Amino acid sequence: MKNIFFGVLLVFCAFLSCRTGDDELQNIDQILNVYMKNKSGRDLFKNKKDSTYFTYSMNDDNGVADIAPVSSSLRATADSMLFIEYIAGARRIGIDTLDPDNKFYRSDITVSLIKRLNNTVLDTIEDQLTIEYRMTPSVFEVSKVYYNDTLRFTKQAGSPNVVTIVK
């Protein structure tokens, strides 16, 4: 009985060792950093004494409900510049493509910018963020980013996904 067990174990180990190392992994690059500045270059999310600043919320336009919040976080660079870090969460809609090895998807997000002065709401601005993704057997990545129907970002190989919006 022991011989049968060890024989099966030996065959199983031999089977596992015959796997090829050619299995290609898909690289996923979908983190998007969105910076918001005014025309003079001031960070719009930075709360400075006696000045206006913005808070934000994001809603998935393609969500299963009218109110479908999208998760994101406000992060800071080493020099304290604040930016929205969006990783995933909005529903992706397929865009027609003829090549099954090169597919495109799109997410539509409403970004609500709430203008504040000393924690008092002054105004709410609703803008449109559209993120296009490209998927091939080797990569799933952010391809293009539109803000209010204006192209703001096109993916360059090896570069981070950074969008700067000037309001």
N, C-alpha and C. Protein backbone atom coordinates (compact mmCIF):
# COMPACT_ATOMS: atom_id res chain seq x y z
N MET A 1 0.82 -1.19 0.00
CA MET A 1 0.00 0.00 0.00
C MET A 1 0.87 1.27 0.00
N LYS A 2 1.99 1.20 0.77
CA LYS A 2 2.89 2.34 0.81
C LYS A 2 3.50 2.59 -0.56
N ASN A 3 3.82 1.53 -1.27
CA ASN A 3 4.43 1.68 -2.59
C ASN A 3 3.48 2.38 -3.56
N ILE A 4 2.20 2.07 -3.49
CA ILE A 4 1.22 2.71 -4.37
C ILE A 4 1.13 4.20 -4.05
N PHE A 5 1.08 4.52 -2.76
CA PHE A 5 1.01 5.92 -2.33
C PHE A 5 2.23 6.70 -2.82
N PHE A 6 3.42 6.17 -2.59
CA PHE A 6 4.63 6.85 -3.02
C PHE A 6 4.75 6.88 -4.54
N GLY A 7 4.24 5.88 -5.22
CA GLY A 7 4.24 5.86 -6.68
C GLY A 7 3.36 6.96 -7.24
N VAL A 8 2.15 7.12 -6.66
CA VAL A 8 1.24 8.19 -7.09
C VAL A 8 1.86 9.55 -6.77
N LEU A 9 2.47 9.67 -5.60
CA LEU A 9 3.11 10.91 -5.21
C LEU A 9 4.26 11.26 -6.17
N LEU A 10 5.03 10.28 -6.57
CA LEU A 10 6.13 10.49 -7.50
C LEU A 10 5.62 10.94 -8.87
N VAL A 11 4.55 10.30 -9.36
CA VAL A 11 3.96 10.68 -10.65
C VAL A 11 3.41 12.10 -10.57
N PHE A 12 2.77 12.46 -9.46
CA PHE A 12 2.21 13.80 -9.28
C PHE A 12 3.32 14.85 -9.29
N CYS A 13 4.40 14.59 -8.58
CA CYS A 13 5.54 15.52 -8.55
C CYS A 13 6.17 15.66 -9.94
N ALA A 14 6.27 14.57 -10.66
CA ALA A 14 6.81 14.61 -12.02
C ALA A 14 5.91 15.44 -12.92
N PHE A 15 4.61 15.30 -12.75
CA PHE A 15 3.65 16.07 -13.54
C PHE A 15 3.81 17.56 -13.28
N LEU A 16 3.96 17.95 -12.01
CA LEU A 16 4.13 19.37 -11.67
C LEU A 16 5.44 19.93 -12.21
N SER A 17 6.47 19.13 -12.21
CA SER A 17 7.78 19.63 -12.66
C SER A 17 7.84 19.79 -14.17
N CYS A 18 6.89 19.22 -14.91
CA CYS A 18 6.89 19.33 -16.37
C CYS A 18 6.25 20.61 -16.87
N ARG A 19 5.72 21.44 -15.97
CA ARG A 19 5.12 22.70 -16.40
C ARG A 19 6.18 23.59 -17.03
N THR A 20 5.81 24.31 -18.03
CA THR A 20 6.76 25.23 -18.68
C THR A 20 6.75 26.56 -17.95
N GLY A 21 7.82 27.27 -18.03
CA GLY A 21 7.93 28.59 -17.41
C GLY A 21 7.52 29.69 -18.36
N ASP A 22 6.87 29.34 -19.45
CA ASP A 22 6.49 30.32 -20.46
C ASP A 22 5.14 30.97 -20.19
N ASP A 23 4.54 30.68 -19.03
CA ASP A 23 3.25 31.28 -18.72
C ASP A 23 3.44 32.79 -18.57
N GLU A 24 2.79 33.55 -19.44
CA GLU A 24 2.94 34.99 -19.43
C GLU A 24 1.96 35.60 -18.45
N LEU A 25 2.45 36.45 -17.58
CA LEU A 25 1.59 37.15 -16.63
C LEU A 25 1.15 38.47 -17.23
N GLN A 26 -0.06 38.85 -16.89
CA GLN A 26 -0.59 40.12 -17.39
C GLN A 26 -0.21 41.23 -16.41
N ASN A 27 0.43 42.27 -16.92
CA ASN A 27 0.78 43.43 -16.11
C ASN A 27 -0.45 44.32 -15.97
N ILE A 28 -0.79 44.71 -14.74
CA ILE A 28 -1.96 45.56 -14.50
C ILE A 28 -1.46 46.92 -14.04
N ASP A 29 -1.82 47.95 -14.79
CA ASP A 29 -1.40 49.33 -14.51
C ASP A 29 -2.63 50.22 -14.57
N GLN A 30 -3.37 50.29 -13.46
CA GLN A 30 -4.62 51.03 -13.50
C GLN A 30 -4.72 52.12 -12.43
N ILE A 31 -3.65 52.41 -11.71
CA ILE A 31 -3.69 53.48 -10.71
C ILE A 31 -3.57 54.82 -11.42
N LEU A 32 -4.51 55.71 -11.11
CA LEU A 32 -4.55 57.04 -11.74
C LEU A 32 -4.44 58.09 -10.65
N ASN A 33 -3.51 59.03 -10.82
CA ASN A 33 -3.33 60.15 -9.89
C ASN A 33 -3.81 61.43 -10.57
N VAL A 34 -4.75 62.13 -9.91
CA VAL A 34 -5.34 63.34 -10.47
C VAL A 34 -4.98 64.52 -9.57
N TYR A 35 -4.23 65.47 -10.12
CA TYR A 35 -3.87 66.69 -9.40
C TYR A 35 -4.80 67.80 -9.86
N MET A 36 -5.22 68.67 -8.94
CA MET A 36 -6.07 69.82 -9.26
C MET A 36 -5.36 71.07 -8.78
N LYS A 37 -5.14 72.00 -9.72
CA LYS A 37 -4.47 73.26 -9.39
C LYS A 37 -5.26 74.41 -9.98
N ASN A 38 -5.03 75.61 -9.43
CA ASN A 38 -5.60 76.78 -10.07
C ASN A 38 -4.58 77.33 -11.08
N LYS A 39 -4.91 78.40 -11.75
CA LYS A 39 -4.04 78.92 -12.81
C LYS A 39 -2.68 79.39 -12.30
N SER A 40 -2.62 79.75 -11.03
CA SER A 40 -1.33 80.18 -10.48
C SER A 40 -0.53 79.01 -9.91
N GLY A 41 -1.07 77.78 -10.02
CA GLY A 41 -0.35 76.59 -9.59
C GLY A 41 -0.62 76.15 -8.17
N ARG A 42 -1.55 76.82 -7.47
CA ARG A 42 -1.87 76.44 -6.09
C ARG A 42 -2.72 75.17 -6.06
N ASP A 43 -2.39 74.29 -5.15
CA ASP A 43 -3.11 73.04 -4.94
C ASP A 43 -4.53 73.37 -4.45
N LEU A 44 -5.56 72.94 -5.18
CA LEU A 44 -6.93 73.28 -4.82
C LEU A 44 -7.47 72.48 -3.64
N PHE A 45 -6.80 71.39 -3.27
CA PHE A 45 -7.26 70.59 -2.13
C PHE A 45 -6.62 71.03 -0.81
N LYS A 46 -5.63 71.90 -0.89
CA LYS A 46 -4.90 72.33 0.30
C LYS A 46 -5.72 73.35 1.07
N ASN A 47 -5.98 73.08 2.35
CA ASN A 47 -6.74 73.97 3.21
C ASN A 47 -5.78 74.95 3.87
N LYS A 48 -5.78 76.18 3.38
CA LYS A 48 -4.96 77.23 3.97
C LYS A 48 -5.89 78.22 4.66
N LYS A 49 -5.41 78.82 5.69
CA LYS A 49 -6.22 79.75 6.47
C LYS A 49 -6.77 80.87 5.59
N ASP A 50 -8.06 81.12 5.73
CA ASP A 50 -8.76 82.20 5.01
C ASP A 50 -8.64 82.10 3.50
N SER A 51 -8.62 80.88 2.96
CA SER A 51 -8.62 80.72 1.51
C SER A 51 -9.59 79.61 1.13
N THR A 52 -10.02 79.65 -0.10
CA THR A 52 -10.94 78.62 -0.56
C THR A 52 -10.16 77.35 -0.87
N TYR A 53 -10.81 76.23 -0.69
CA TYR A 53 -10.25 74.94 -1.03
C TYR A 53 -11.40 74.04 -1.45
N PHE A 54 -11.07 72.89 -1.99
CA PHE A 54 -12.08 71.99 -2.49
C PHE A 54 -12.02 70.64 -1.77
N THR A 55 -13.18 70.05 -1.57
CA THR A 55 -13.28 68.65 -1.23
C THR A 55 -13.94 68.01 -2.45
N TYR A 56 -13.99 66.71 -2.51
CA TYR A 56 -14.51 66.08 -3.71
C TYR A 56 -15.26 64.79 -3.37
N SER A 57 -16.07 64.36 -4.31
CA SER A 57 -16.66 63.02 -4.27
C SER A 57 -16.73 62.54 -5.71
N MET A 58 -16.79 61.22 -5.87
CA MET A 58 -16.82 60.62 -7.20
C MET A 58 -18.00 59.66 -7.29
N ASN A 59 -18.74 59.72 -8.39
CA ASN A 59 -19.90 58.86 -8.60
C ASN A 59 -19.80 58.15 -9.96
N ASP A 60 -20.04 56.85 -9.95
CA ASP A 60 -19.98 56.04 -11.16
C ASP A 60 -21.24 56.27 -12.00
N ASP A 61 -21.07 56.85 -13.18
CA ASP A 61 -22.21 57.11 -14.07
C ASP A 61 -22.80 55.83 -14.65
N ASN A 62 -22.00 54.76 -14.71
CA ASN A 62 -22.47 53.49 -15.25
C ASN A 62 -22.83 52.50 -14.15
N GLY A 63 -22.94 52.98 -12.94
CA GLY A 63 -23.23 52.11 -11.80
C GLY A 63 -24.62 51.52 -11.86
N VAL A 64 -24.86 50.55 -11.00
CA VAL A 64 -26.16 49.86 -11.00
C VAL A 64 -27.24 50.71 -10.36
N ALA A 65 -26.88 51.79 -9.68
CA ALA A 65 -27.84 52.71 -9.09
C ALA A 65 -27.44 54.14 -9.47
N ASP A 66 -28.37 55.09 -9.29
CA ASP A 66 -28.05 56.48 -9.60
C ASP A 66 -26.92 57.01 -8.73
N ILE A 67 -26.93 56.60 -7.47
CA ILE A 67 -25.86 56.99 -6.57
C ILE A 67 -24.97 55.77 -6.36
N ALA A 68 -23.81 55.79 -7.01
CA ALA A 68 -22.85 54.69 -6.94
C ALA A 68 -21.47 55.28 -6.66
N PRO A 69 -21.19 55.55 -5.37
CA PRO A 69 -19.90 56.18 -5.04
C PRO A 69 -18.72 55.35 -5.51
N VAL A 70 -17.69 56.04 -5.94
CA VAL A 70 -16.45 55.41 -6.38
C VAL A 70 -15.41 55.66 -5.30
N SER A 71 -14.72 54.61 -4.90
CA SER A 71 -13.72 54.79 -3.86
C SER A 71 -12.44 55.37 -4.45
N SER A 72 -11.87 56.28 -3.71
CA SER A 72 -10.60 56.91 -4.04
C SER A 72 -10.06 57.49 -2.74
N SER A 73 -8.86 57.98 -2.79
CA SER A 73 -8.31 58.58 -1.58
C SER A 73 -7.49 59.81 -1.94
N LEU A 74 -7.43 60.72 -0.99
CA LEU A 74 -6.63 61.92 -1.15
C LEU A 74 -5.25 61.62 -0.57
N ARG A 75 -4.24 61.69 -1.39
CA ARG A 75 -2.87 61.38 -1.00
C ARG A 75 -2.03 62.65 -1.11
N ALA A 76 -0.83 62.58 -0.55
CA ALA A 76 0.08 63.71 -0.61
C ALA A 76 1.44 63.27 -1.11
N THR A 77 2.07 64.13 -1.90
CA THR A 77 3.44 63.87 -2.35
C THR A 77 4.40 64.27 -1.22
N ALA A 78 5.68 64.05 -1.43
CA ALA A 78 6.69 64.40 -0.42
C ALA A 78 6.68 65.90 -0.12
N ASP A 79 6.32 66.73 -1.11
CA ASP A 79 6.27 68.18 -0.88
C ASP A 79 4.86 68.66 -0.53
N SER A 80 4.01 67.75 -0.04
CA SER A 80 2.66 68.05 0.48
C SER A 80 1.65 68.47 -0.58
N MET A 81 1.90 68.16 -1.83
CA MET A 81 0.92 68.41 -2.88
C MET A 81 -0.13 67.30 -2.80
N LEU A 82 -1.40 67.66 -2.70
CA LEU A 82 -2.47 66.67 -2.57
C LEU A 82 -2.99 66.27 -3.94
N PHE A 83 -3.36 65.00 -4.07
CA PHE A 83 -3.92 64.49 -5.32
C PHE A 83 -4.90 63.37 -5.01
N ILE A 84 -5.80 63.14 -5.96
CA ILE A 84 -6.76 62.03 -5.85
C ILE A 84 -6.10 60.79 -6.42
N GLU A 85 -6.07 59.73 -5.63
CA GLU A 85 -5.57 58.45 -6.13
C GLU A 85 -6.77 57.54 -6.38
N TYR A 86 -6.99 57.23 -7.65
CA TYR A 86 -8.07 56.35 -8.04
C TYR A 86 -7.46 55.04 -8.52
N ILE A 87 -7.87 53.94 -7.90
CA ILE A 87 -7.32 52.64 -8.28
C ILE A 87 -8.32 51.88 -9.13
N ALA A 88 -9.51 51.70 -8.65
CA ALA A 88 -10.56 50.99 -9.38
C ALA A 88 -11.86 51.18 -8.61
N GLY A 89 -12.93 50.77 -9.19
CA GLY A 89 -14.21 50.85 -8.50
C GLY A 89 -15.35 51.22 -9.41
N ALA A 90 -15.08 51.98 -10.45
CA ALA A 90 -16.13 52.34 -11.38
C ALA A 90 -16.33 51.19 -12.37
N ARG A 91 -17.54 51.01 -12.78
CA ARG A 91 -17.87 49.95 -13.73
C ARG A 91 -17.25 50.25 -15.09
N ARG A 92 -16.68 49.23 -15.69
CA ARG A 92 -16.06 49.38 -17.01
C ARG A 92 -17.02 48.86 -18.08
N ILE A 93 -17.22 49.66 -19.09
CA ILE A 93 -18.09 49.31 -20.20
C ILE A 93 -17.21 48.98 -21.40
N GLY A 94 -17.47 47.87 -22.04
CA GLY A 94 -16.68 47.48 -23.21
C GLY A 94 -16.95 48.38 -24.39
N ILE A 95 -15.89 48.73 -25.10
CA ILE A 95 -16.00 49.51 -26.33
C ILE A 95 -15.78 48.53 -27.48
N ASP A 96 -16.59 48.61 -28.51
CA ASP A 96 -16.49 47.66 -29.63
C ASP A 96 -15.07 47.62 -30.18
N THR A 97 -14.59 46.41 -30.38
CA THR A 97 -13.29 46.21 -30.99
C THR A 97 -13.32 44.92 -31.80
N LEU A 98 -12.60 44.88 -32.87
CA LEU A 98 -12.59 43.69 -33.72
C LEU A 98 -11.49 42.72 -33.33
N ASP A 99 -10.48 43.20 -32.66
CA ASP A 99 -9.33 42.37 -32.28
C ASP A 99 -9.51 41.84 -30.86
N PRO A 100 -9.69 40.54 -30.67
CA PRO A 100 -9.90 40.01 -29.31
C PRO A 100 -8.66 40.11 -28.43
N ASP A 101 -7.49 40.33 -29.02
CA ASP A 101 -6.26 40.49 -28.24
C ASP A 101 -5.94 41.94 -27.93
N ASN A 102 -6.84 42.85 -28.27
CA ASN A 102 -6.63 44.28 -28.01
C ASN A 102 -8.00 44.90 -27.73
N LYS A 103 -8.46 44.78 -26.49
CA LYS A 103 -9.80 45.25 -26.12
C LYS A 103 -9.71 46.59 -25.40
N PHE A 104 -10.78 47.37 -25.51
CA PHE A 104 -10.86 48.67 -24.85
C PHE A 104 -12.10 48.73 -23.98
N TYR A 105 -11.95 49.40 -22.83
CA TYR A 105 -13.04 49.59 -21.89
C TYR A 105 -13.07 51.05 -21.49
N ARG A 106 -14.21 51.49 -20.94
CA ARG A 106 -14.37 52.89 -20.53
C ARG A 106 -15.12 52.95 -19.21
N SER A 107 -14.68 53.86 -18.34
CA SER A 107 -15.40 54.18 -17.11
C SER A 107 -15.76 55.65 -17.14
N ASP A 108 -16.99 55.97 -16.77
CA ASP A 108 -17.45 57.36 -16.73
C ASP A 108 -17.76 57.72 -15.28
N ILE A 109 -17.13 58.78 -14.80
CA ILE A 109 -17.25 59.17 -13.40
C ILE A 109 -17.58 60.66 -13.33
N THR A 110 -18.57 61.00 -12.49
CA THR A 110 -18.85 62.39 -12.19
C THR A 110 -18.04 62.78 -10.97
N VAL A 111 -17.22 63.81 -11.12
CA VAL A 111 -16.42 64.32 -10.01
C VAL A 111 -17.10 65.58 -9.50
N SER A 112 -17.55 65.54 -8.26
CA SER A 112 -18.17 66.72 -7.64
C SER A 112 -17.12 67.42 -6.81
N LEU A 113 -16.82 68.64 -7.18
CA LEU A 113 -15.87 69.46 -6.44
C LEU A 113 -16.66 70.44 -5.59
N ILE A 114 -16.50 70.34 -4.29
CA ILE A 114 -17.24 71.19 -3.37
C ILE A 114 -16.30 72.29 -2.89
N LYS A 115 -16.60 73.52 -3.31
CA LYS A 115 -15.76 74.67 -2.98
C LYS A 115 -16.13 75.15 -1.58
N ARG A 116 -15.12 75.30 -0.73
CA ARG A 116 -15.34 75.69 0.66
C ARG A 116 -14.48 76.89 1.04
N LEU A 117 -14.97 77.63 2.00
CA LEU A 117 -14.21 78.70 2.64
C LEU A 117 -14.48 78.58 4.12
N ASN A 118 -13.43 78.29 4.89
CA ASN A 118 -13.56 78.10 6.34
C ASN A 118 -14.67 77.08 6.66
N ASN A 119 -14.66 75.95 5.98
CA ASN A 119 -15.62 74.85 6.17
C ASN A 119 -17.05 75.21 5.80
N THR A 120 -17.28 76.32 5.12
CA THR A 120 -18.60 76.70 4.64
C THR A 120 -18.66 76.41 3.14
N VAL A 121 -19.69 75.68 2.71
CA VAL A 121 -19.84 75.35 1.29
C VAL A 121 -20.23 76.60 0.51
N LEU A 122 -19.44 76.91 -0.51
CA LEU A 122 -19.72 78.05 -1.37
C LEU A 122 -20.38 77.63 -2.68
N ASP A 123 -19.92 76.51 -3.23
CA ASP A 123 -20.40 76.10 -4.55
C ASP A 123 -20.05 74.63 -4.76
N THR A 124 -20.79 73.97 -5.64
CA THR A 124 -20.48 72.60 -6.05
C THR A 124 -20.37 72.58 -7.57
N ILE A 125 -19.26 72.06 -8.04
CA ILE A 125 -19.00 71.97 -9.48
C ILE A 125 -18.98 70.49 -9.84
N GLU A 126 -19.74 70.11 -10.86
CA GLU A 126 -19.74 68.72 -11.30
C GLU A 126 -19.04 68.62 -12.65
N ASP A 127 -17.97 67.85 -12.65
CA ASP A 127 -17.17 67.64 -13.85
C ASP A 127 -17.23 66.17 -14.25
N GLN A 128 -16.85 65.90 -15.49
CA GLN A 128 -16.91 64.55 -16.03
C GLN A 128 -15.51 64.01 -16.26
N LEU A 129 -15.21 62.83 -15.67
CA LEU A 129 -13.95 62.14 -15.85
C LEU A 129 -14.22 60.85 -16.60
N THR A 130 -13.57 60.66 -17.73
CA THR A 130 -13.71 59.44 -18.52
C THR A 130 -12.34 58.78 -18.61
N ILE A 131 -12.28 57.52 -18.20
CA ILE A 131 -11.03 56.78 -18.22
C ILE A 131 -11.19 55.65 -19.23
N GLU A 132 -10.28 55.57 -20.20
CA GLU A 132 -10.27 54.48 -21.15
C GLU A 132 -9.14 53.52 -20.79
N TYR A 133 -9.44 52.24 -20.86
CA TYR A 133 -8.47 51.19 -20.55
C TYR A 133 -8.20 50.36 -21.80
N ARG A 134 -6.99 49.81 -21.86
CA ARG A 134 -6.63 48.90 -22.95
C ARG A 134 -6.22 47.58 -22.33
N MET A 135 -6.72 46.48 -22.90
CA MET A 135 -6.38 45.16 -22.40
C MET A 135 -5.86 44.30 -23.54
N THR A 136 -4.64 43.79 -23.35
CA THR A 136 -4.04 42.83 -24.27
C THR A 136 -3.69 41.61 -23.42
N PRO A 137 -3.24 40.53 -24.03
CA PRO A 137 -2.83 39.38 -23.20
C PRO A 137 -1.70 39.72 -22.22
N SER A 138 -0.90 40.75 -22.49
CA SER A 138 0.23 41.06 -21.61
C SER A 138 0.00 42.26 -20.69
N VAL A 139 -1.01 43.10 -20.95
CA VAL A 139 -1.18 44.30 -20.13
C VAL A 139 -2.65 44.71 -20.04
N PHE A 140 -3.03 45.22 -18.87
CA PHE A 140 -4.29 45.92 -18.67
C PHE A 140 -3.89 47.27 -18.09
N GLU A 141 -4.15 48.36 -18.84
CA GLU A 141 -3.63 49.65 -18.42
C GLU A 141 -4.59 50.78 -18.75
N VAL A 142 -4.40 51.90 -18.04
CA VAL A 142 -5.09 53.14 -18.39
C VAL A 142 -4.52 53.57 -19.73
N SER A 143 -5.39 53.85 -20.67
CA SER A 143 -4.95 54.22 -22.01
C SER A 143 -5.06 55.73 -22.24
N LYS A 144 -6.24 56.28 -21.94
CA LYS A 144 -6.49 57.71 -22.11
C LYS A 144 -7.39 58.20 -20.99
N VAL A 145 -7.26 59.48 -20.68
CA VAL A 145 -8.12 60.10 -19.68
C VAL A 145 -8.65 61.40 -20.26
N TYR A 146 -9.96 61.57 -20.18
CA TYR A 146 -10.63 62.79 -20.62
C TYR A 146 -11.23 63.47 -19.40
N TYR A 147 -11.11 64.79 -19.34
CA TYR A 147 -11.74 65.56 -18.27
C TYR A 147 -12.61 66.60 -18.94
N ASN A 148 -13.91 66.53 -18.70
CA ASN A 148 -14.88 67.40 -19.38
C ASN A 148 -14.71 67.33 -20.90
N ASP A 149 -14.61 66.10 -21.40
CA ASP A 149 -14.50 65.80 -22.83
C ASP A 149 -13.23 66.32 -23.50
N THR A 150 -12.24 66.71 -22.71
CA THR A 150 -10.95 67.16 -23.24
C THR A 150 -9.90 66.12 -22.88
N LEU A 151 -9.17 65.65 -23.88
CA LEU A 151 -8.12 64.67 -23.64
C LEU A 151 -7.04 65.29 -22.76
N ARG A 152 -6.79 64.66 -21.60
CA ARG A 152 -5.80 65.18 -20.65
C ARG A 152 -4.61 64.26 -20.45
N PHE A 153 -4.73 63.01 -20.89
CA PHE A 153 -3.65 62.04 -20.66
C PHE A 153 -3.71 60.95 -21.72
N THR A 154 -2.55 60.61 -22.26
CA THR A 154 -2.40 59.46 -23.14
C THR A 154 -1.22 58.66 -22.61
N LYS A 155 -1.41 57.38 -22.45
CA LYS A 155 -0.40 56.50 -21.86
C LYS A 155 0.87 56.46 -22.69
N GLN A 156 2.00 56.66 -22.02
CA GLN A 156 3.32 56.48 -22.60
C GLN A 156 3.96 55.31 -21.87
N ALA A 157 4.55 54.40 -22.59
CA ALA A 157 5.13 53.19 -21.99
C ALA A 157 6.09 53.54 -20.86
N GLY A 158 5.88 52.90 -19.71
CA GLY A 158 6.76 53.07 -18.57
C GLY A 158 6.52 54.30 -17.72
N SER A 159 5.60 55.16 -18.12
CA SER A 159 5.35 56.38 -17.34
C SER A 159 4.14 56.18 -16.42
N PRO A 160 4.12 56.91 -15.29
CA PRO A 160 2.98 56.79 -14.38
C PRO A 160 1.74 57.46 -14.97
N ASN A 161 0.59 57.11 -14.45
CA ASN A 161 -0.68 57.65 -14.92
C ASN A 161 -1.02 58.88 -14.08
N VAL A 162 -0.56 60.04 -14.53
CA VAL A 162 -0.72 61.29 -13.78
C VAL A 162 -1.45 62.29 -14.67
N VAL A 163 -2.52 62.86 -14.11
CA VAL A 163 -3.31 63.87 -14.82
C VAL A 163 -3.32 65.14 -13.96
N THR A 164 -3.03 66.27 -14.56
CA THR A 164 -3.10 67.54 -13.86
C THR A 164 -4.20 68.38 -14.49
N ILE A 165 -5.14 68.78 -13.66
CA ILE A 165 -6.27 69.59 -14.11
C ILE A 165 -6.07 71.00 -13.58
N VAL A 166 -6.15 72.00 -14.46
CA VAL A 166 -6.04 73.39 -14.07
C VAL A 166 -7.43 73.98 -14.15
N LYS A 167 -7.91 74.50 -13.04
CA LYS A 167 -9.27 75.08 -12.97
C LYS A 167 -9.19 76.55 -12.70
